[in-house]
Amino acid sequence: MKGAAAFGACTALSDRNGLSAPLHGGDYRRACGHSRSLSCQSYSRAGRELDEFRLTNAKATNQKVLLLREIGRVVLDPSVSDEQLRQTIYQHVPADKLWQLSKNAIS
């Protein structure tokens, strides 16, 4: 059980695959330990990559929400006439930034 505690969730993954089954020979046990280590490394790397992906998406989503908030404030501002609306939006959000964000939102 000492080894199982050391590997945590990775041990459960390895045990399910039969890698920790006690067979004869120290070489096999060392190979099992190596396989567990590789499984844990892969599991950890996948977790880091998922966290990175989520953080990247959260940042992009936050950027678009802030942009929408800024545009919404301009659109709802009663002092901005319909004729002035587009130019006022471009004063708050440059057209090239708006174009880039809208293009990224589609993909």
C-alpha atoms as a PDB file:
ATOM      1  CA  MET A   1       0.000   0.000   0.000  1.00  0.00           C
ATOM      2  CA  LYS A   2       2.942   2.319   0.538  1.00  0.00           C
ATOM      3  CA  GLY A   3       3.574   2.476  -3.231  1.00  0.00           C
ATOM      4  CA  ALA A   4      -0.121   2.979  -3.947  1.00  0.00           C
ATOM      5  CA  ALA A   5      -0.239   6.054  -1.740  1.00  0.00           C
ATOM      6  CA  ALA A   6       2.810   7.481  -3.479  1.00  0.00           C
ATOM      7  CA  PHE A   7       1.251   7.275  -6.927  1.00  0.00           C
ATOM      8  CA  GLY A   8      -2.316   8.306  -6.026  1.00  0.00           C
ATOM      9  CA  ALA A   9      -4.685   8.455  -8.999  1.00  0.00           C
ATOM     10  CA  CYS A  10      -1.985   7.151 -11.323  1.00  0.00           C
ATOM     11  CA  THR A  11      -1.813   3.884  -9.372  1.00  0.00           C
ATOM     12  CA  ALA A  12      -5.526   3.331  -9.871  1.00  0.00           C
ATOM     13  CA  LEU A  13      -4.949   3.846 -13.576  1.00  0.00           C
ATOM     14  CA  SER A  14      -2.020   1.420 -13.568  1.00  0.00           C
ATOM     15  CA  ASP A  15      -3.806  -1.152 -11.395  1.00  0.00           C
ATOM     16  CA  ARG A  16      -6.737  -1.190 -13.766  1.00  0.00           C
ATOM     17  CA  ASN A  17      -4.323  -2.018 -16.588  1.00  0.00           C
ATOM     18  CA  GLY A  18      -2.767  -4.811 -14.543  1.00  0.00           C
ATOM     19  CA  LEU A  19       0.643  -3.160 -14.357  1.00  0.00           C
ATOM     20  CA  SER A  20       0.958  -3.675 -10.631  1.00  0.00           C
ATOM     21  CA  ALA A  21       0.064  -7.367 -10.663  1.00  0.00           C
ATOM     22  CA  PRO A  22       2.687  -9.186  -8.591  1.00  0.00           C
ATOM     23  CA  LEU A  23       4.497 -11.580 -10.937  1.00  0.00           C
ATOM     24  CA  HIS A  24       7.889 -13.180 -10.428  1.00  0.00           C
ATOM     25  CA  GLY A  25      11.126 -11.359 -11.063  1.00  0.00           C
ATOM     26  CA  GLY A  26      12.453  -8.040  -9.855  1.00  0.00           C
ATOM     27  CA  ASP A  27      12.912  -6.830 -13.430  1.00  0.00           C
ATOM     28  CA  TYR A  28       9.175  -7.021 -14.076  1.00  0.00           C
ATOM     29  CA  ARG A  29       8.453  -5.065 -10.905  1.00  0.00           C
ATOM     30  CA  ARG A  30      10.956  -2.403 -11.935  1.00  0.00           C
ATOM     31  CA  ALA A  31       9.321  -2.272 -15.372  1.00  0.00           C
ATOM     32  CA  CYS A  32       5.936  -1.831 -13.710  1.00  0.00           C
ATOM     33  CA  GLY A  33       7.317   1.015 -11.653  1.00  0.00           C
ATOM     34  CA  HIS A  34       8.690   2.586 -14.811  1.00  0.00           C
ATOM     35  CA  SER A  35       5.327   2.197 -16.557  1.00  0.00           C
ATOM     36  CA  ARG A  36       3.594   3.804 -13.600  1.00  0.00           C
ATOM     37  CA  SER A  37       6.041   6.657 -13.717  1.00  0.00           C
ATOM     38  CA  LEU A  38       5.350   7.195 -17.413  1.00  0.00           C
ATOM     39  CA  SER A  39       1.602   7.006 -16.794  1.00  0.00           C
ATOM     40  CA  CYS A  40       1.885   9.580 -14.024  1.00  0.00           C
ATOM     41  CA  GLN A  41       4.014  11.846 -16.193  1.00  0.00           C
ATOM     42  CA  SER A  42       1.505  11.616 -19.038  1.00  0.00           C
ATOM     43  CA  TYR A  43      -1.378  12.186 -16.648  1.00  0.00           C
ATOM     44  CA  SER A  44       0.349  15.219 -15.119  1.00  0.00           C
ATOM     45  CA  ARG A  45       1.290  16.674 -18.497  1.00  0.00           C
ATOM     46  CA  ALA A  46      -2.272  16.244 -19.765  1.00  0.00           C
ATOM     47  CA  GLY A  47      -3.569  17.997 -16.647  1.00  0.00           C
ATOM     48  CA  ARG A  48      -1.169  20.926 -17.149  1.00  0.00           C
ATOM     49  CA  GLU A  49      -2.103  21.205 -20.817  1.00  0.00           C
ATOM     50  CA  LEU A  50      -5.796  21.196 -19.937  1.00  0.00           C
ATOM     51  CA  ASP A  51      -5.253  23.919 -17.329  1.00  0.00           C
ATOM     52  CA  GLU A  52      -3.298  25.966 -19.884  1.00  0.00           C
ATOM     53  CA  PHE A  53      -6.063  25.517 -22.473  1.00  0.00           C
ATOM     54  CA  ARG A  54      -8.731  26.571 -19.979  1.00  0.00           C
ATOM     55  CA  LEU A  55      -6.738  29.634 -18.905  1.00  0.00           C
ATOM     56  CA  THR A  56      -6.184  30.713 -22.508  1.00  0.00           C
ATOM     57  CA  ASN A  57      -9.889  30.347 -23.274  1.00  0.00           C
ATOM     58  CA  ALA A  58     -10.883  32.167 -20.087  1.00  0.00           C
ATOM     59  CA  LYS A  59      -8.625  35.100 -20.977  1.00  0.00           C
ATOM     60  CA  ALA A  60     -10.019  35.287 -24.511  1.00  0.00           C
ATOM     61  CA  THR A  61     -13.596  35.089 -23.228  1.00  0.00           C
ATOM     62  CA  ASN A  62     -12.930  37.780 -20.642  1.00  0.00           C
ATOM     63  CA  GLN A  63     -11.461  40.051 -23.318  1.00  0.00           C
ATOM     64  CA  LYS A  64     -14.581  39.676 -25.463  1.00  0.00           C
ATOM     65  CA  VAL A  65     -16.897  40.276 -22.500  1.00  0.00           C
ATOM     66  CA  LEU A  66     -15.048  43.484 -21.629  1.00  0.00           C
ATOM     67  CA  LEU A  67     -15.287  44.608 -25.243  1.00  0.00           C
ATOM     68  CA  LEU A  68     -19.020  43.900 -25.313  1.00  0.00           C
ATOM     69  CA  ARG A  69     -19.452  45.831 -22.061  1.00  0.00           C
ATOM     70  CA  GLU A  70     -17.643  48.854 -23.517  1.00  0.00           C
ATOM     71  CA  ILE A  71     -19.689  48.782 -26.723  1.00  0.00           C
ATOM     72  CA  GLY A  72     -22.898  48.274 -24.726  1.00  0.00           C
ATOM     73  CA  ARG A  73     -22.160  51.364 -22.643  1.00  0.00           C
ATOM     74  CA  VAL A  74     -21.708  53.453 -25.785  1.00  0.00           C
ATOM     75  CA  VAL A  75     -24.845  52.061 -27.465  1.00  0.00           C
ATOM     76  CA  LEU A  76     -26.953  52.666 -24.353  1.00  0.00           C
ATOM     77  CA  ASP A  77     -25.575  56.158 -23.702  1.00  0.00           C
ATOM     78  CA  PRO A  78     -28.487  58.522 -24.406  1.00  0.00           C
ATOM     79  CA  SER A  79     -26.107  61.390 -25.188  1.00  0.00           C
ATOM     80  CA  VAL A  80     -24.773  59.521 -28.255  1.00  0.00           C
ATOM     81  CA  SER A  81     -27.008  59.992 -31.296  1.00  0.00           C
ATOM     82  CA  ASP A  82     -27.573  57.226 -33.829  1.00  0.00           C
ATOM     83  CA  GLU A  83     -25.542  59.185 -36.374  1.00  0.00           C
ATOM     84  CA  GLN A  84     -22.591  59.398 -33.976  1.00  0.00           C
ATOM     85  CA  LEU A  85     -22.791  55.825 -32.725  1.00  0.00           C
ATOM     86  CA  ARG A  86     -20.261  54.106 -35.004  1.00  0.00           C
ATOM     87  CA  GLN A  87     -17.632  56.844 -34.644  1.00  0.00           C
ATOM     88  CA  THR A  88     -18.105  56.924 -30.871  1.00  0.00           C
ATOM     89  CA  ILE A  89     -17.665  53.144 -30.670  1.00  0.00           C
ATOM     90  CA  TYR A  90     -14.449  53.428 -32.710  1.00  0.00           C
ATOM     91  CA  GLN A  91     -13.205  56.087 -30.300  1.00  0.00           C
ATOM     92  CA  HIS A  92     -13.612  53.611 -27.440  1.00  0.00           C
ATOM     93  CA  VAL A  93     -12.607  50.481 -29.331  1.00  0.00           C
ATOM     94  CA  PRO A  94     -10.307  50.852 -32.345  1.00  0.00           C
ATOM     95  CA  ALA A  95     -11.747  49.321 -35.511  1.00  0.00           C
ATOM     96  CA  ASP A  96      -8.757  47.014 -36.051  1.00  0.00           C
ATOM     97  CA  LYS A  97      -9.099  45.592 -32.519  1.00  0.00           C
ATOM     98  CA  LEU A  98     -12.832  45.117 -33.012  1.00  0.00           C
ATOM     99  CA  TRP A  99     -12.201  43.392 -36.342  1.00  0.00           C
ATOM    100  CA  GLN A 100      -9.540  41.084 -34.874  1.00  0.00           C
ATOM    101  CA  LEU A 101     -11.696  40.062 -31.909  1.00  0.00           C
ATOM    102  CA  SER A 102     -14.741  39.445 -34.065  1.00  0.00           C
ATOM    103  CA  LYS A 103     -12.668  37.336 -36.452  1.00  0.00           C
ATOM    104  CA  ASN A 104     -11.309  35.251 -33.550  1.00  0.00           C
ATOM    105  CA  ALA A 105     -14.804  34.812 -32.107  1.00  0.00           C
ATOM    106  CA  ILE A 106     -15.969  33.102 -35.281  1.00  0.00           C
ATOM    107  CA  SER A 107     -13.144  30.546 -35.417  1.00  0.00           C
END
